[in-house]
């Protein structure tokens, strides 16, 4: 009888262990986007810009994809303080919606010829998170640790691109 009990308990333990291992799944992390704002630029310069996607380390003329952006916000032009226009206030008809790791990026102002190179985007190593099988709410994001703008390092995932700063 003891052997039967031990075997039943062992079988129950194995079943419980296998069921509990099914109750976890991987949620793969998405990349956070680099966010930025233009500050101190004349509205005539910052009103439109072109965002160009490049391979890491590629020459500036080796563009993978590009999109034009136009300011679509309602912010009034100020003569008292510097204008600050956030990336989220721009619209595009192109396919590029954000700046992410894995590429170099150029911000080009056609009206002034100014160019800003965004590169060396460093993000957290976290690739996935383990969650319960029935969990459909949890999401996972790899945060930006830092990136370069015209060879000047920025900490975090946001930068004010200021007239004359870079």
Protein backbone atom coordinates (compact mmCIF):
# COMPACT_ATOMS: atom_id res chain seq x y z
CA UNK A 1 0.00 0.00 0.00
CA UNK A 2 2.88 2.38 0.76
CA UNK A 3 4.36 1.81 -2.68
CA UNK A 4 1.00 2.65 -4.26
CA UNK A 5 0.76 5.86 -2.21
CA UNK A 6 4.30 6.90 -3.03
CA UNK A 7 3.73 6.23 -6.70
CA UNK A 8 0.43 8.13 -6.65
CA UNK A 9 2.06 11.08 -4.89
CA UNK A 10 4.99 11.00 -7.30
CA UNK A 11 2.61 10.89 -10.27
CA UNK A 12 0.59 13.77 -8.83
CA UNK A 13 3.79 15.77 -8.29
CA UNK A 14 4.91 15.18 -11.91
CA UNK A 15 1.49 16.20 -13.25
CA UNK A 16 1.46 19.34 -11.07
CA UNK A 17 4.96 20.23 -12.20
CA UNK A 18 4.11 19.80 -15.89
CA UNK A 19 0.89 21.83 -15.54
CA UNK A 20 2.67 24.65 -13.73
CA UNK A 21 5.30 24.83 -16.47
CA UNK A 22 2.51 25.40 -19.03
CA UNK A 23 1.29 28.42 -17.11
CA UNK A 24 4.10 30.67 -18.32
CA UNK A 25 4.64 32.26 -21.72
CA UNK A 26 7.10 34.72 -23.21
CA UNK A 27 6.01 38.25 -24.04
CA UNK A 28 8.61 39.70 -26.40
CA UNK A 29 9.65 43.27 -25.69
CA UNK A 30 9.22 46.06 -28.22
CA UNK A 31 11.76 48.84 -28.66
CA UNK A 32 11.13 52.25 -27.16
CA UNK A 33 11.39 55.09 -29.66
CA UNK A 34 13.80 58.00 -29.35
CA UNK A 35 11.71 61.10 -28.70
CA UNK A 36 12.79 64.68 -29.27
CA UNK A 37 11.72 68.30 -29.57
CA UNK A 38 13.15 71.20 -31.54
CA UNK A 39 13.77 74.32 -29.51
CA UNK A 40 15.10 77.75 -30.42
CA UNK A 41 14.68 77.31 -34.17
CA UNK A 42 12.77 79.87 -36.21
CA UNK A 43 9.37 78.40 -37.10
CA UNK A 44 10.24 78.78 -40.78
CA UNK A 45 13.13 76.32 -40.28
CA UNK A 46 11.53 73.82 -37.90
CA UNK A 47 8.14 73.70 -39.61
CA UNK A 48 9.23 70.88 -41.94
CA UNK A 49 11.99 68.31 -41.79
CA UNK A 50 12.99 65.06 -43.47
CA UNK A 51 13.79 61.96 -41.42
CA UNK A 52 16.13 59.52 -43.16
CA UNK A 53 16.76 55.94 -42.08
CA UNK A 54 20.30 54.62 -42.69
CA UNK A 55 22.09 51.35 -42.03
CA UNK A 56 24.37 51.58 -38.99
CA UNK A 57 27.63 53.24 -40.04
CA UNK A 58 26.44 53.89 -43.61
CA UNK A 59 27.30 56.99 -45.61
CA UNK A 60 24.72 59.76 -45.48
CA UNK A 61 23.75 59.25 -49.10
CA UNK A 62 22.89 55.55 -48.57
CA UNK A 63 19.31 56.08 -47.43
CA UNK A 64 17.12 53.03 -46.75
CA UNK A 65 13.91 55.03 -46.35
CA UNK A 66 12.86 58.61 -45.74
CA UNK A 67 9.76 60.57 -44.80
CA UNK A 68 8.90 64.27 -44.71
CA UNK A 69 7.29 65.67 -41.57
CA UNK A 70 5.20 68.84 -41.25
CA UNK A 71 4.31 70.64 -38.02
CA UNK A 72 0.61 70.11 -37.34
CA UNK A 73 0.33 71.49 -33.80
CA UNK A 74 -1.62 74.47 -32.57
CA UNK A 75 1.22 76.12 -30.65
CA UNK A 76 1.29 79.90 -31.18
CA UNK A 77 4.46 81.53 -32.47
CA UNK A 78 6.08 83.34 -29.54
CA UNK A 79 8.24 86.43 -29.88
CA UNK A 80 8.99 86.45 -26.13
CA UNK A 81 10.45 82.97 -25.66
CA UNK A 82 11.99 80.23 -27.77
CA UNK A 83 9.67 78.05 -29.78
CA UNK A 84 9.59 74.35 -28.76
CA UNK A 85 8.01 71.88 -31.17
CA UNK A 86 7.64 68.24 -30.08
CA UNK A 87 8.01 65.35 -32.52
CA UNK A 88 4.51 64.15 -31.60
CA UNK A 89 3.10 67.40 -33.07
CA UNK A 90 4.38 66.56 -36.57
CA UNK A 91 2.55 64.48 -39.18
CA UNK A 92 3.83 62.52 -42.14
CA UNK A 93 2.46 60.64 -45.10
CA UNK A 94 5.54 58.39 -45.12
CA UNK A 95 6.04 54.99 -43.51
CA UNK A 96 8.51 56.13 -40.83
CA UNK A 97 6.74 56.86 -37.54
CA UNK A 98 9.59 56.82 -35.03
CA UNK A 99 13.33 56.59 -34.44
CA UNK A 100 14.33 53.17 -33.10
CA UNK A 101 17.50 51.21 -32.37
CA UNK A 102 19.12 49.15 -35.11
CA UNK A 103 19.67 52.01 -37.57
CA UNK A 104 21.31 55.41 -37.85
CA UNK A 105 19.00 58.35 -38.55
CA UNK A 106 19.33 61.79 -40.15
CA UNK A 107 17.11 64.76 -39.40
CA UNK A 108 17.42 67.22 -42.27
CA UNK A 109 15.91 70.72 -42.43
CA UNK A 110 15.49 71.57 -46.14
CA UNK A 111 14.96 75.29 -45.47
CA UNK A 112 18.30 75.75 -43.70
CA UNK A 113 20.36 72.73 -44.77
CA UNK A 114 20.97 71.74 -41.11
CA UNK A 115 21.58 68.03 -40.48
CA UNK A 116 21.47 66.09 -37.22
CA UNK A 117 22.82 62.52 -37.11
CA UNK A 118 21.22 60.28 -34.49
CA UNK A 119 23.20 57.08 -33.96
CA UNK A 120 24.57 54.59 -31.43
CA UNK A 121 21.11 54.07 -29.95
CA UNK A 122 21.62 51.89 -26.86
CA UNK A 123 18.67 50.08 -25.37
CA UNK A 124 18.17 47.63 -22.52
CA UNK A 125 19.16 44.03 -23.17
CA UNK A 126 15.80 42.68 -22.01
CA UNK A 127 14.28 40.70 -24.91
CA UNK A 128 11.25 39.10 -23.28
CA UNK A 129 9.32 38.76 -20.04
CA UNK A 130 7.74 35.58 -18.67
CA UNK A 131 4.04 35.97 -17.78
CA UNK A 132 1.13 33.68 -16.93
CA UNK A 133 -0.49 31.94 -19.89
CA UNK A 134 -3.82 33.75 -19.47
CA UNK A 135 -2.22 37.20 -19.14
CA UNK A 136 -3.06 39.29 -22.21
CA UNK A 137 -2.50 42.68 -20.54
CA UNK A 138 1.24 42.64 -19.81
CA UNK A 139 3.52 44.35 -22.29
CA UNK A 140 7.27 44.69 -22.30
CA UNK A 141 9.38 47.58 -23.61
CA UNK A 142 13.15 47.86 -23.96
CA UNK A 143 13.93 51.38 -22.75
CA UNK A 144 16.49 53.59 -24.48
CA UNK A 145 19.59 54.05 -22.30
CA UNK A 146 21.12 56.72 -24.54
CA UNK A 147 22.06 57.79 -28.06
CA UNK A 148 24.30 60.18 -29.95
CA UNK A 149 23.32 63.39 -31.73
CA UNK A 150 26.10 64.74 -33.93
CA UNK A 151 28.63 62.84 -31.80
CA UNK A 152 27.31 64.19 -28.47
CA UNK A 153 25.95 61.55 -26.10
CA UNK A 154 22.43 61.95 -24.69
CA UNK A 155 21.29 59.93 -21.66
CA UNK A 156 17.79 58.45 -21.81
CA UNK A 157 15.32 58.39 -24.65
CA UNK A 158 14.55 62.11 -25.07
CA UNK A 159 16.51 65.10 -26.34
CA UNK A 160 15.88 68.78 -26.91
CA UNK A 161 17.52 69.54 -30.23
CA UNK A 162 18.39 73.19 -29.73
CA UNK A 163 19.45 75.76 -32.30
CA UNK A 164 23.23 76.12 -32.03
CA UNK A 165 23.64 73.29 -29.47
CA UNK A 166 24.84 70.53 -31.80
